[in-house]
Amino acid sequence: MKSNPFIVAAAVLIVLSWLRFAQDLVVPFLLSLFIAVILAAPMEAMKRRGVPAAVSMGLVFVGVVLAGLLLGALLGRSFHGFSENLPNYQARLGQLADSLLGWLGALGLDTSHAALRKVIDPGSVMSFANRLVAALGDGLSHIFLILFTVFFMLLESWDLPAKLAAIDSERTRRVVAQVTEVIESTKRYTSIKALMSLITGVLIWAGCALIGLDFAVLWGFVAFLLNFIPTIGSIIAAVPAVLLAVVQLGVGPALAVTALYLLVNLLIGNMVEPRYMGQRMGLSTLVVFLSMVFWGWLLGPVGMLLSVPLTMVAKFALQAHRPTAWVAVLLGPVAQKTGETVASAGGQGGAR
């Protein structure tokens, strides 16, 4: 029996309304799931080498806690200092914007409109960066709930393959095979993306520190987070760091910071990452932008950070189901045959 499209649309609207209403519950759960998917990769690597489940889980979990403590210690002072100095940075950027408008006025351009001054307001970019990191901090405020959820997700994932193998029903096995395909594709995408984002963040941190930019660790952390949003994320991450370089160091070092971001994102985003991830694992730039807007509206700033992984999950689910594989093709960055998409959904996006 065919489903009524109006009923399906109404059901989707109800689910979206509930997700928006239940942000306080959904966001920590999604963060937990996101972290658990990333941590599943090293656990599986140790499993293949014969490490017992309890030992591998303990090592991974202790590593996460230590990394979180180290990151908190590094970021705490930087974030506090940046927040304290934000009004000064905004005032200085406002003066620079006024100078720019004065120069444009001297050229004969009309710069008296208030709307134009709102557009040329670089201080608002600094405020956005501050709000974005603060929103992530709010999302991680349920840190104990997130850690416990991650722990039990990892514990359950260890026995999940055996549970799936024990299912007898033929139809259920087909559904399980499709779900497993989606899970494996998601794990592969997320683990590779996390590694590439980590390398990007470390390089930005080191480069900004060498240039002498204040709060280099903060800009590395922002670059790590926003690298999960292809193309657009790297631009958003670079703007506040470049503006701070203009205020703190001058135009020359600001150009050096700009070159640093361009070089790192060219190296990682255009050369290294496609080699290991493959084109089929990507999304078109328009889909990336629309997904960021949609998930940001639905789940807030944390939704913006998770927008591409969440959309990738939807793409993998569409790829695994032949009647909807054409939608996955439209979401991707390059044209590909529908049959190839279905056949390759579970792991053909490797190095080429």
C-alpha atoms as a PDB file:
ATOM      1  CA  MET A   1       0.000   0.000   0.000  1.00  0.00           C
ATOM      2  CA  LYS A   2       1.371   3.397  -1.008  1.00  0.00           C
ATOM      3  CA  SER A   3       1.832   5.975   1.708  1.00  0.00           C
ATOM      4  CA  ASN A   4      -0.081   9.252   1.537  1.00  0.00           C
ATOM      5  CA  PRO A   5       2.428  12.088   0.876  1.00  0.00           C
ATOM      6  CA  PHE A   6       0.389  14.504   2.982  1.00  0.00           C
ATOM      7  CA  ILE A   7       0.518  12.136   5.958  1.00  0.00           C
ATOM      8  CA  VAL A   8       4.271  11.684   5.476  1.00  0.00           C
ATOM      9  CA  ALA A   9       4.774  15.479   5.292  1.00  0.00           C
ATOM     10  CA  ALA A  10       2.669  15.979   8.429  1.00  0.00           C
ATOM     11  CA  ALA A  11       4.668  13.308  10.279  1.00  0.00           C
ATOM     12  CA  VAL A  12       7.966  14.957   9.266  1.00  0.00           C
ATOM     13  CA  LEU A  13       6.721  18.359  10.467  1.00  0.00           C
ATOM     14  CA  ILE A  14       5.665  16.850  13.799  1.00  0.00           C
ATOM     15  CA  VAL A  15       9.084  15.231  14.278  1.00  0.00           C
ATOM     16  CA  LEU A  16      10.904  18.469  13.381  1.00  0.00           C
ATOM     17  CA  SER A  17       8.731  20.455  15.774  1.00  0.00           C
ATOM     18  CA  TRP A  18       9.499  17.992  18.545  1.00  0.00           C
ATOM     19  CA  LEU A  19      13.243  18.160  17.821  1.00  0.00           C
ATOM     20  CA  ARG A  20      13.197  21.948  17.995  1.00  0.00           C
ATOM     21  CA  PHE A  21      11.216  21.861  21.229  1.00  0.00           C
ATOM     22  CA  ALA A  22      13.497  19.219  22.797  1.00  0.00           C
ATOM     23  CA  GLN A  23      16.855  20.841  21.969  1.00  0.00           C
ATOM     24  CA  ASP A  24      18.118  20.482  25.552  1.00  0.00           C
ATOM     25  CA  LEU A  25      17.695  16.717  25.296  1.00  0.00           C
ATOM     26  CA  VAL A  26      18.527  16.157  21.627  1.00  0.00           C
ATOM     27  CA  VAL A  27      21.757  18.202  21.426  1.00  0.00           C
ATOM     28  CA  PRO A  28      23.641  16.296  24.204  1.00  0.00           C
ATOM     29  CA  PHE A  29      22.462  13.007  22.701  1.00  0.00           C
ATOM     30  CA  LEU A  30      23.702  13.969  19.219  1.00  0.00           C
ATOM     31  CA  LEU A  31      27.034  15.122  20.653  1.00  0.00           C
ATOM     32  CA  SER A  32      27.338  11.802  22.485  1.00  0.00           C
ATOM     33  CA  LEU A  33      26.524   9.853  19.315  1.00  0.00           C
ATOM     34  CA  PHE A  34      28.979  11.948  17.303  1.00  0.00           C
ATOM     35  CA  ILE A  35      31.796  11.343  19.813  1.00  0.00           C
ATOM     36  CA  ALA A  36      30.952   7.628  20.076  1.00  0.00           C
ATOM     37  CA  VAL A  37      31.105   7.189  16.291  1.00  0.00           C
ATOM     38  CA  ILE A  38      34.545   8.841  16.208  1.00  0.00           C
ATOM     39  CA  LEU A  39      35.838   6.707  19.092  1.00  0.00           C
ATOM     40  CA  ALA A  40      34.535   3.494  17.530  1.00  0.00           C
ATOM     41  CA  ALA A  41      37.366   3.624  14.955  1.00  0.00           C
ATOM     42  CA  PRO A  42      40.292   3.236  17.411  1.00  0.00           C
ATOM     43  CA  MET A  43      38.319   0.634  19.362  1.00  0.00           C
ATOM     44  CA  GLU A  44      37.826  -1.457  16.228  1.00  0.00           C
ATOM     45  CA  ALA A  45      41.514  -1.059  15.340  1.00  0.00           C
ATOM     46  CA  MET A  46      42.485  -2.471  18.743  1.00  0.00           C
ATOM     47  CA  LYS A  47      39.876  -5.216  18.396  1.00  0.00           C
ATOM     48  CA  ARG A  48      41.476  -6.361  15.126  1.00  0.00           C
ATOM     49  CA  ARG A  49      44.796  -6.612  16.959  1.00  0.00           C
ATOM     50  CA  GLY A  50      43.299  -8.871  19.615  1.00  0.00           C
ATOM     51  CA  VAL A  51      42.986  -6.334  22.438  1.00  0.00           C
ATOM     52  CA  PRO A  52      40.190  -7.344  24.858  1.00  0.00           C
ATOM     53  CA  ALA A  53      37.019  -5.252  24.789  1.00  0.00           C
ATOM     54  CA  ALA A  54      37.381  -3.998  28.368  1.00  0.00           C
ATOM     55  CA  VAL A  55      40.994  -2.920  27.821  1.00  0.00           C
ATOM     56  CA  SER A  56      40.340  -1.124  24.534  1.00  0.00           C
ATOM     57  CA  MET A  57      37.289   0.660  25.914  1.00  0.00           C
ATOM     58  CA  GLY A  58      39.204   1.669  29.031  1.00  0.00           C
ATOM     59  CA  LEU A  59      42.107   3.037  26.993  1.00  0.00           C
ATOM     60  CA  VAL A  60      39.822   4.984  24.684  1.00  0.00           C
ATOM     61  CA  PHE A  61      37.721   6.352  27.521  1.00  0.00           C
ATOM     62  CA  VAL A  62      40.728   7.407  29.613  1.00  0.00           C
ATOM     63  CA  GLY A  63      42.233   9.015  26.515  1.00  0.00           C
ATOM     64  CA  VAL A  64      39.046  11.026  25.943  1.00  0.00           C
ATOM     65  CA  VAL A  65      38.957  12.219  29.548  1.00  0.00           C
ATOM     66  CA  LEU A  66      42.634  13.237  29.503  1.00  0.00           C
ATOM     67  CA  ALA A  67      42.235  14.976  26.138  1.00  0.00           C
ATOM     68  CA  GLY A  68      39.181  16.825  27.468  1.00  0.00           C
ATOM     69  CA  LEU A  69      41.049  17.971  30.586  1.00  0.00           C
ATOM     70  CA  LEU A  70      44.037  19.118  28.525  1.00  0.00           C
ATOM     71  CA  LEU A  71      41.827  20.928  26.028  1.00  0.00           C
ATOM     72  CA  GLY A  72      39.867  22.576  28.837  1.00  0.00           C
ATOM     73  CA  ALA A  73      43.078  23.788  30.460  1.00  0.00           C
ATOM     74  CA  LEU A  74      44.377  25.179  27.160  1.00  0.00           C
ATOM     75  CA  LEU A  75      41.119  26.763  26.062  1.00  0.00           C
ATOM     76  CA  GLY A  76      39.912  28.106  29.392  1.00  0.00           C
ATOM     77  CA  ARG A  77      42.404  30.941  29.648  1.00  0.00           C
ATOM     78  CA  SER A  78      42.232  31.765  25.924  1.00  0.00           C
ATOM     79  CA  PHE A  79      38.446  31.883  25.827  1.00  0.00           C
ATOM     80  CA  HIS A  80      38.248  33.987  29.001  1.00  0.00           C
ATOM     81  CA  GLY A  81      40.883  36.425  27.710  1.00  0.00           C
ATOM     82  CA  PHE A  82      39.220  36.740  24.321  1.00  0.00           C
ATOM     83  CA  SER A  83      35.808  37.402  25.907  1.00  0.00           C
ATOM     84  CA  GLU A  84      37.309  40.066  28.183  1.00  0.00           C
ATOM     85  CA  ASN A  85      39.073  41.858  25.329  1.00  0.00           C
ATOM     86  CA  LEU A  86      36.192  41.505  22.858  1.00  0.00           C
ATOM     87  CA  PRO A  87      34.801  45.043  23.472  1.00  0.00           C
ATOM     88  CA  ASN A  88      38.251  46.541  22.783  1.00  0.00           C
ATOM     89  CA  TYR A  89      38.627  44.517  19.601  1.00  0.00           C
ATOM     90  CA  GLN A  90      35.166  45.554  18.433  1.00  0.00           C
ATOM     91  CA  ALA A  91      35.880  49.229  19.145  1.00  0.00           C
ATOM     92  CA  ARG A  92      39.169  49.075  17.237  1.00  0.00           C
ATOM     93  CA  LEU A  93      37.540  47.274  14.312  1.00  0.00           C
ATOM     94  CA  GLY A  94      34.783  49.908  14.353  1.00  0.00           C
ATOM     95  CA  GLN A  95      37.414  52.631  14.006  1.00  0.00           C
ATOM     96  CA  LEU A  96      39.008  50.776  11.099  1.00  0.00           C
ATOM     97  CA  ALA A  97      35.595  50.389   9.449  1.00  0.00           C
ATOM     98  CA  ASP A  98      34.951  54.135   9.873  1.00  0.00           C
ATOM     99  CA  SER A  99      38.318  54.860   8.281  1.00  0.00           C
ATOM    100  CA  LEU A 100      37.402  52.595   5.362  1.00  0.00           C
ATOM    101  CA  LEU A 101      34.055  54.317   4.943  1.00  0.00           C
ATOM    102  CA  GLY A 102      35.780  57.714   5.098  1.00  0.00           C
ATOM    103  CA  TRP A 103      38.187  56.616   2.378  1.00  0.00           C
ATOM    104  CA  LEU A 104      35.272  55.419   0.221  1.00  0.00           C
ATOM    105  CA  GLY A 105      33.527  58.743   0.847  1.00  0.00           C
ATOM    106  CA  ALA A 106      36.623  60.615  -0.308  1.00  0.00           C
ATOM    107  CA  LEU A 107      36.376  58.673  -3.570  1.00  0.00           C
ATOM    108  CA  GLY A 108      32.899  60.099  -4.089  1.00  0.00           C
ATOM    109  CA  LEU A 109      30.832  57.150  -2.843  1.00  0.00           C
ATOM    110  CA  ASP A 110      27.827  57.789  -0.617  1.00  0.00           C
ATOM    111  CA  THR A 111      28.567  56.064   2.714  1.00  0.00           C
ATOM    112  CA  SER A 112      26.043  57.902   4.862  1.00  0.00           C
ATOM    113  CA  HIS A 113      23.406  55.165   4.914  1.00  0.00           C
ATOM    114  CA  ALA A 114      23.084  53.312   8.221  1.00  0.00           C
ATOM    115  CA  ALA A 115      22.442  50.038   6.377  1.00  0.00           C
ATOM    116  CA  LEU A 116      25.883  50.232   4.774  1.00  0.00           C
ATOM    117  CA  ARG A 117      27.520  50.781   8.144  1.00  0.00           C
ATOM    118  CA  LYS A 118      25.737  47.709   9.484  1.00  0.00           C
ATOM    119  CA  VAL A 119      27.045  45.645   6.582  1.00  0.00           C
ATOM    120  CA  ILE A 120      30.612  46.873   7.112  1.00  0.00           C
ATOM    121  CA  ASP A 121      30.724  45.915  10.778  1.00  0.00           C
ATOM    122  CA  PRO A 122      33.607  43.497  11.365  1.00  0.00           C
ATOM    123  CA  GLY A 123      32.981  43.620  15.116  1.00  0.00           C
ATOM    124  CA  SER A 124      29.856  41.536  14.593  1.00  0.00           C
ATOM    125  CA  VAL A 125      32.035  38.732  13.209  1.00  0.00           C
ATOM    126  CA  MET A 126      34.044  38.659  16.432  1.00  0.00           C
ATOM    127  CA  SER A 127      30.808  38.521  18.421  1.00  0.00           C
ATOM    128  CA  PHE A 128      29.610  35.623  16.266  1.00  0.00           C
ATOM    129  CA  ALA A 129      32.834  33.674  16.944  1.00  0.00           C
ATOM    130  CA  ASN A 130      32.429  34.352  20.657  1.00  0.00           C
ATOM    131  CA  ARG A 131      28.789  33.189  20.634  1.00  0.00           C
ATOM    132  CA  LEU A 132      29.631  30.081  18.615  1.00  0.00           C
ATOM    133  CA  VAL A 133      32.287  28.854  21.043  1.00  0.00           C
ATOM    134  CA  ALA A 134      30.086  29.801  24.007  1.00  0.00           C
ATOM    135  CA  ALA A 135      27.186  27.821  22.512  1.00  0.00           C
ATOM    136  CA  LEU A 136      29.419  24.781  22.162  1.00  0.00           C
ATOM    137  CA  GLY A 137      30.425  25.227  25.791  1.00  0.00           C
ATOM    138  CA  ASP A 138      26.748  25.237  26.732  1.00  0.00           C
ATOM    139  CA  GLY A 139      26.257  22.051  24.728  1.00  0.00           C
ATOM    140  CA  LEU A 140      29.145  20.440  26.621  1.00  0.00           C
ATOM    141  CA  SER A 141      27.839  21.666  29.987  1.00  0.00           C
ATOM    142  CA  HIS A 142      26.173  18.235  30.368  1.00  0.00           C
ATOM    143  CA  ILE A 143      29.641  16.717  30.190  1.00  0.00           C
ATOM    144  CA  PHE A 144      28.965  13.900  32.669  1.00  0.00           C
ATOM    145  CA  LEU A 145      25.739  12.919  30.906  1.00  0.00           C
ATOM    146  CA  ILE A 146      27.580  12.969  27.565  1.00  0.00           C
ATOM    147  CA  LEU A 147      30.497  10.886  28.863  1.00  0.00           C
ATOM    148  CA  PHE A 148      28.214   8.263  30.415  1.00  0.00           C
ATOM    149  CA  THR A 149      26.137   8.111  27.225  1.00  0.00           C
ATOM    150  CA  VAL A 150      29.277   7.709  25.120  1.00  0.00           C
ATOM    151  CA  PHE A 151      30.509   4.947  27.442  1.00  0.00           C
ATOM    152  CA  PHE A 152      27.307   2.921  27.164  1.00  0.00           C
ATOM    153  CA  MET A 153      27.091   3.486  23.403  1.00  0.00           C
ATOM    154  CA  LEU A 154      30.609   2.100  22.991  1.00  0.00           C
ATOM    155  CA  LEU A 155      29.795  -0.792  25.293  1.00  0.00           C
ATOM    156  CA  GLU A 156      26.708  -1.640  23.242  1.00  0.00           C
ATOM    157  CA  SER A 157      28.509  -1.272  19.914  1.00  0.00           C
ATOM    158  CA  TRP A 158      30.941  -4.044  20.871  1.00  0.00           C
ATOM    159  CA  ASP A 159      28.154  -6.657  20.961  1.00  0.00           C
ATOM    160  CA  LEU A 160      25.990  -5.149  18.215  1.00  0.00           C
ATOM    161  CA  PRO A 161      27.406  -7.225  15.304  1.00  0.00           C
ATOM    162  CA  ALA A 162      26.672 -10.480  17.161  1.00  0.00           C
ATOM    163  CA  LYS A 163      23.122  -9.340  17.884  1.00  0.00           C
ATOM    164  CA  LEU A 164      22.531  -8.433  14.247  1.00  0.00           C
ATOM    165  CA  ALA A 165      23.952 -11.780  13.077  1.00  0.00           C
ATOM    166  CA  ALA A 166      21.486 -13.631  15.333  1.00  0.00           C
ATOM    167  CA  ILE A 167      18.434 -12.249  13.479  1.00  0.00           C
ATOM    168  CA  ASP A 168      16.632 -14.990  11.473  1.00  0.00           C
ATOM    169  CA  SER A 169      13.982 -13.182   9.442  1.00  0.00           C
ATOM    170  CA  GLU A 170      14.985 -12.737   5.790  1.00  0.00           C
ATOM    171  CA  ARG A 171      13.229  -9.388   5.457  1.00  0.00           C
ATOM    172  CA  THR A 172      14.689  -8.175   8.738  1.00  0.00           C
ATOM    173  CA  ARG A 173      18.152  -9.257   7.626  1.00  0.00           C
ATOM    174  CA  ARG A 174      17.816  -7.136   4.486  1.00  0.00           C
ATOM    175  CA  VAL A 175      16.805  -4.128   6.570  1.00  0.00           C
ATOM    176  CA  VAL A 176      19.644  -4.816   9.006  1.00  0.00           C
ATOM    177  CA  ALA A 177      22.092  -5.057   6.092  1.00  0.00           C
ATOM    178  CA  GLN A 178      20.995  -1.634   4.858  1.00  0.00           C
ATOM    179  CA  VAL A 179      21.217  -0.130   8.355  1.00  0.00           C
ATOM    180  CA  THR A 180      24.660  -1.690   8.858  1.00  0.00           C
ATOM    181  CA  GLU A 181      25.770  -0.208   5.549  1.00  0.00           C
ATOM    182  CA  VAL A 182      24.635   3.237   6.677  1.00  0.00           C
ATOM    183  CA  ILE A 183      26.378   2.839  10.037  1.00  0.00           C
ATOM    184  CA  GLU A 184      29.659   1.713   8.476  1.00  0.00           C
ATOM    185  CA  SER A 185      29.632   4.546   5.928  1.00  0.00           C
ATOM    186  CA  THR A 186      28.890   7.051   8.694  1.00  0.00           C
ATOM    187  CA  LYS A 187      31.682   5.693  10.892  1.00  0.00           C
ATOM    188  CA  ARG A 188      34.160   5.840   8.049  1.00  0.00           C
ATOM    189  CA  TYR A 189      33.212   9.368   7.027  1.00  0.00           C
ATOM    190  CA  THR A 190      33.171  10.710  10.597  1.00  0.00           C
ATOM    191  CA  SER A 191      36.464   9.125  11.657  1.00  0.00           C
ATOM    192  CA  ILE A 192      38.330  10.394   8.574  1.00  0.00           C
ATOM    193  CA  LYS A 193      36.763  13.839   8.880  1.00  0.00           C
ATOM    194  CA  ALA A 194      37.668  14.019  12.580  1.00  0.00           C
ATOM    195  CA  LEU A 195      41.291  13.135  11.830  1.00  0.00           C
ATOM    196  CA  MET A 196      41.508  15.712   9.027  1.00  0.00           C
ATOM    197  CA  SER A 197      39.886  18.339  11.271  1.00  0.00           C
ATOM    198  CA  LEU A 198      42.351  17.557  14.055  1.00  0.00           C
ATOM    199  CA  ILE A 199      45.312  17.978  11.705  1.00  0.00           C
ATOM    200  CA  THR A 200      43.800  21.241  10.411  1.00  0.00           C
ATOM    201  CA  GLY A 201      43.317  22.573  13.947  1.00  0.00           C
ATOM    202  CA  VAL A 202      46.868  21.697  15.022  1.00  0.00           C
ATOM    203  CA  LEU A 203      48.385  23.339  11.918  1.00  0.00           C
ATOM    204  CA  ILE A 204      46.319  26.507  12.400  1.00  0.00           C
ATOM    205  CA  TRP A 205      47.273  26.598  16.092  1.00  0.00           C
ATOM    206  CA  ALA A 206      50.981  26.202  15.315  1.00  0.00           C
ATOM    207  CA  GLY A 207      50.889  28.717  12.456  1.00  0.00           C
ATOM    208  CA  CYS A 208      49.049  31.397  14.440  1.00  0.00           C
ATOM    209  CA  ALA A 209      51.435  30.891  17.360  1.00  0.00           C
ATOM    210  CA  LEU A 210      54.464  31.324  15.078  1.00  0.00           C
ATOM    211  CA  ILE A 211      52.979  34.499  13.575  1.00  0.00           C
ATOM    212  CA  GLY A 212      52.378  35.813  17.110  1.00  0.00           C
ATOM    213  CA  LEU A 213      48.580  36.015  17.046  1.00  0.00           C
ATOM    214  CA  ASP A 214      46.880  36.073  20.436  1.00  0.00           C
ATOM    215  CA  PHE A 215      44.743  33.081  21.498  1.00  0.00           C
ATOM    216  CA  ALA A 216      46.282  30.785  18.874  1.00  0.00           C
ATOM    217  CA  VAL A 217      44.898  27.692  20.607  1.00  0.00           C
ATOM    218  CA  LEU A 218      41.382  29.149  20.390  1.00  0.00           C
ATOM    219  CA  TRP A 219      41.682  29.695  16.624  1.00  0.00           C
ATOM    220  CA  GLY A 220      43.022  26.169  16.206  1.00  0.00           C
ATOM    221  CA  PHE A 221      40.035  24.827  18.134  1.00  0.00           C
ATOM    222  CA  VAL A 222      37.585  26.873  16.048  1.00  0.00           C
ATOM    223  CA  ALA A 223      39.290  25.629  12.857  1.00  0.00           C
ATOM    224  CA  PHE A 224      38.977  22.040  14.118  1.00  0.00           C
ATOM    225  CA  LEU A 225      35.262  22.435  14.799  1.00  0.00           C
ATOM    226  CA  LEU A 226      34.326  24.311  11.643  1.00  0.00           C
ATOM    227  CA  ASN A 227      36.345  21.986   9.403  1.00  0.00           C
ATOM    228  CA  PHE A 228      33.409  19.592   9.757  1.00  0.00           C
ATOM    229  CA  ILE A 229      31.566  22.087   7.519  1.00  0.00           C
ATOM    230  CA  PRO A 230      33.322  21.809   4.121  1.00  0.00           C
ATOM    231  CA  THR A 231      34.349  25.012   2.296  1.00  0.00           C
ATOM    232  CA  ILE A 232      32.050  27.347   4.240  1.00  0.00           C
ATOM    233  CA  GLY A 233      33.422  26.331   7.634  1.00  0.00           C
ATOM    234  CA  SER A 234      37.020  27.171   6.776  1.00  0.00           C
ATOM    235  CA  ILE A 235      35.961  30.653   5.620  1.00  0.00           C
ATOM    236  CA  ILE A 236      33.977  31.289   8.808  1.00  0.00           C
ATOM    237  CA  ALA A 237      36.900  30.049  10.927  1.00  0.00           C
ATOM    238  CA  ALA A 238      39.413  32.320   9.178  1.00  0.00           C
ATOM    239  CA  VAL A 239      37.527  35.626   9.345  1.00  0.00           C
ATOM    240  CA  PRO A 240      37.746  36.371  13.117  1.00  0.00           C
ATOM    241  CA  ALA A 241      41.416  35.309  13.259  1.00  0.00           C
ATOM    242  CA  VAL A 242      42.293  37.575  10.313  1.00  0.00           C
ATOM    243  CA  LEU A 243      40.386  40.508  11.828  1.00  0.00           C
ATOM    244  CA  LEU A 244      42.175  40.020  15.143  1.00  0.00           C
ATOM    245  CA  ALA A 245      45.500  39.960  13.280  1.00  0.00           C
ATOM    246  CA  VAL A 246      44.614  43.316  11.664  1.00  0.00           C
ATOM    247  CA  VAL A 247      43.882  44.838  15.096  1.00  0.00           C
ATOM    248  CA  GLN A 248      46.781  43.258  16.972  1.00  0.00           C
ATOM    249  CA  LEU A 249      49.601  42.931  14.439  1.00  0.00           C
ATOM    250  CA  GLY A 250      48.755  45.001  11.356  1.00  0.00           C
ATOM    251  CA  VAL A 251      47.998  44.365   7.702  1.00  0.00           C
ATOM    252  CA  GLY A 252      51.180  42.396   6.861  1.00  0.00           C
ATOM    253  CA  PRO A 253      50.726  39.701   9.548  1.00  0.00           C
ATOM    254  CA  ALA A 254      47.007  39.606   8.751  1.00  0.00           C
ATOM    255  CA  LEU A 255      47.915  38.671   5.182  1.00  0.00           C
ATOM    256  CA  ALA A 256      50.211  35.982   6.603  1.00  0.00           C
ATOM    257  CA  VAL A 257      47.317  34.586   8.683  1.00  0.00           C
ATOM    258  CA  THR A 258      45.128  34.620   5.566  1.00  0.00           C
ATOM    259  CA  ALA A 259      47.822  32.751   3.623  1.00  0.00           C
ATOM    260  CA  LEU A 260      48.096  30.237   6.492  1.00  0.00           C
ATOM    261  CA  TYR A 261      44.383  29.401   6.344  1.00  0.00           C
ATOM    262  CA  LEU A 262      44.442  29.193   2.542  1.00  0.00           C
ATOM    263  CA  LEU A 263      47.487  26.924   2.544  1.00  0.00           C
ATOM    264  CA  VAL A 264      46.211  24.581   5.266  1.00  0.00           C
ATOM    265  CA  ASN A 265      42.748  24.249   3.754  1.00  0.00           C
ATOM    266  CA  LEU A 266      44.182  23.785   0.262  1.00  0.00           C
ATOM    267  CA  LEU A 267      46.507  21.059   1.523  1.00  0.00           C
ATOM    268  CA  ILE A 268      44.037  19.224   3.783  1.00  0.00           C
ATOM    269  CA  GLY A 269      40.698  19.992   2.144  1.00  0.00           C
ATOM    270  CA  ASN A 270      41.671  19.729  -1.535  1.00  0.00           C
ATOM    271  CA  MET A 271      44.548  17.235  -1.528  1.00  0.00           C
ATOM    272  CA  VAL A 272      44.776  14.973   1.529  1.00  0.00           C
ATOM    273  CA  GLU A 273      41.110  14.593   2.479  1.00  0.00           C
ATOM    274  CA  PRO A 274      39.753  13.697  -0.995  1.00  0.00           C
ATOM    275  CA  ARG A 275      42.480  11.062  -1.341  1.00  0.00           C
ATOM    276  CA  TYR A 276      41.272   9.159   1.715  1.00  0.00           C
ATOM    277  CA  MET A 277      37.593  10.003   1.615  1.00  0.00           C
ATOM    278  CA  GLY A 278      36.781  10.012  -2.094  1.00  0.00           C
ATOM    279  CA  GLN A 279      34.362  12.214  -4.014  1.00  0.00           C
ATOM    280  CA  ARG A 280      31.367   9.974  -3.369  1.00  0.00           C
ATOM    281  CA  MET A 281      31.539  10.773   0.337  1.00  0.00           C
ATOM    282  CA  GLY A 282      30.996  14.496  -0.238  1.00  0.00           C
ATOM    283  CA  LEU A 283      28.142  16.963  -0.552  1.00  0.00           C
ATOM    284  CA  SER A 284      27.593  19.787  -2.998  1.00  0.00           C
ATOM    285  CA  THR A 285      28.407  23.280  -1.731  1.00  0.00           C
ATOM    286  CA  LEU A 286      24.750  24.337  -1.946  1.00  0.00           C
ATOM    287  CA  VAL A 287      23.663  21.341   0.142  1.00  0.00           C
ATOM    288  CA  VAL A 288      26.360  22.145   2.717  1.00  0.00           C
ATOM    289  CA  PHE A 289      25.103  25.715   3.043  1.00  0.00           C
ATOM    290  CA  LEU A 290      21.419  24.754   3.194  1.00  0.00           C
ATOM    291  CA  SER A 291      22.091  21.979   5.702  1.00  0.00           C
ATOM    292  CA  MET A 292      24.001  24.416   7.922  1.00  0.00           C
ATOM    293  CA  VAL A 293      21.069  26.842   7.837  1.00  0.00           C
ATOM    294  CA  PHE A 294      18.497  24.105   8.443  1.00  0.00           C
ATOM    295  CA  TRP A 295      20.243  22.286  11.299  1.00  0.00           C
ATOM    296  CA  GLY A 296      21.275  25.603  12.851  1.00  0.00           C
ATOM    297  CA  TRP A 297      17.635  26.680  12.881  1.00  0.00           C
ATOM    298  CA  LEU A 298      16.536  23.320  14.260  1.00  0.00           C
ATOM    299  CA  LEU A 299      19.194  22.678  16.928  1.00  0.00           C
ATOM    300  CA  GLY A 300      21.028  25.989  17.400  1.00  0.00           C
ATOM    301  CA  PRO A 301      24.774  26.623  16.928  1.00  0.00           C
ATOM    302  CA  VAL A 302      25.680  23.026  17.809  1.00  0.00           C
ATOM    303  CA  GLY A 303      23.351  21.943  15.012  1.00  0.00           C
ATOM    304  CA  MET A 304      25.419  24.078  12.610  1.00  0.00           C
ATOM    305  CA  LEU A 305      28.570  22.224  13.655  1.00  0.00           C
ATOM    306  CA  LEU A 306      26.891  18.834  13.241  1.00  0.00           C
ATOM    307  CA  SER A 307      24.986  19.826  10.103  1.00  0.00           C
ATOM    308  CA  VAL A 308      27.230  18.056   7.583  1.00  0.00           C
ATOM    309  CA  PRO A 309      27.625  14.789   9.561  1.00  0.00           C
ATOM    310  CA  LEU A 310      23.847  14.679  10.060  1.00  0.00           C
ATOM    311  CA  THR A 311      23.236  15.347   6.363  1.00  0.00           C
ATOM    312  CA  MET A 312      25.804  12.704   5.449  1.00  0.00           C
ATOM    313  CA  VAL A 313      23.857  10.170   7.534  1.00  0.00           C
ATOM    314  CA  ALA A 314      20.741  11.070   5.541  1.00  0.00           C
ATOM    315  CA  LYS A 315      22.708  10.710   2.293  1.00  0.00           C
ATOM    316  CA  PHE A 316      24.045   7.278   3.265  1.00  0.00           C
ATOM    317  CA  ALA A 317      20.523   6.166   4.193  1.00  0.00           C
ATOM    318  CA  LEU A 318      19.239   7.329   0.803  1.00  0.00           C
ATOM    319  CA  GLN A 319      22.109   5.566  -0.980  1.00  0.00           C
ATOM    320  CA  ALA A 320      21.373   2.276   0.761  1.00  0.00           C
ATOM    321  CA  HIS A 321      17.759   2.256  -0.504  1.00  0.00           C
ATOM    322  CA  ARG A 322      17.535   1.889  -4.301  1.00  0.00           C
ATOM    323  CA  PRO A 323      14.283   3.877  -4.839  1.00  0.00           C
ATOM    324  CA  THR A 324      15.806   6.929  -3.100  1.00  0.00           C
ATOM    325  CA  ALA A 325      19.370   6.618  -4.419  1.00  0.00           C
ATOM    326  CA  TRP A 326      18.710   9.355  -6.989  1.00  0.00           C
ATOM    327  CA  VAL A 327      18.234  11.862  -4.151  1.00  0.00           C
ATOM    328  CA  ALA A 328      21.690  10.946  -2.821  1.00  0.00           C
ATOM    329  CA  VAL A 329      23.127  11.640  -6.273  1.00  0.00           C
ATOM    330  CA  LEU A 330      21.603  15.135  -6.218  1.00  0.00           C
ATOM    331  CA  LEU A 331      23.110  15.777  -2.781  1.00  0.00           C
ATOM    332  CA  GLY A 332      26.605  14.794  -3.919  1.00  0.00           C
ATOM    333  CA  PRO A 333      29.254  17.032  -5.512  1.00  0.00           C
ATOM    334  CA  VAL A 334      29.662  15.067  -8.773  1.00  0.00           C
ATOM    335  CA  ALA A 335      27.348  13.214 -11.120  1.00  0.00           C
ATOM    336  CA  GLN A 336      27.350   9.441 -10.756  1.00  0.00           C
ATOM    337  CA  LYS A 337      25.172   6.608 -11.941  1.00  0.00           C
ATOM    338  CA  THR A 338      22.412   5.525  -9.538  1.00  0.00           C
ATOM    339  CA  GLY A 339      23.418   1.869  -9.704  1.00  0.00           C
ATOM    340  CA  GLU A 340      27.016   2.760  -8.895  1.00  0.00           C
ATOM    341  CA  THR A 341      25.845   4.882  -6.000  1.00  0.00           C
ATOM    342  CA  VAL A 342      23.960   2.008  -4.393  1.00  0.00           C
ATOM    343  CA  ALA A 343      26.789  -0.441  -4.965  1.00  0.00           C
ATOM    344  CA  SER A 344      29.413   1.927  -3.576  1.00  0.00           C
ATOM    345  CA  ALA A 345      27.503   3.409  -0.643  1.00  0.00           C
ATOM    346  CA  GLY A 346      29.216   1.243   1.913  1.00  0.00           C
ATOM    347  CA  GLY A 347      32.825   1.969   1.217  1.00  0.00           C
ATOM    348  CA  GLN A 348      33.883   2.647  -2.349  1.00  0.00           C
ATOM    349  CA  GLY A 349      34.999   6.152  -1.419  1.00  0.00           C
ATOM    350  CA  GLY A 350      38.504   5.171  -0.474  1.00  0.00           C
ATOM    351  CA  ALA A 351      41.802   6.318  -1.848  1.00  0.00           C
ATOM    352  CA  ARG A 352      41.947   6.599  -5.564  1.00  0.00           C
END
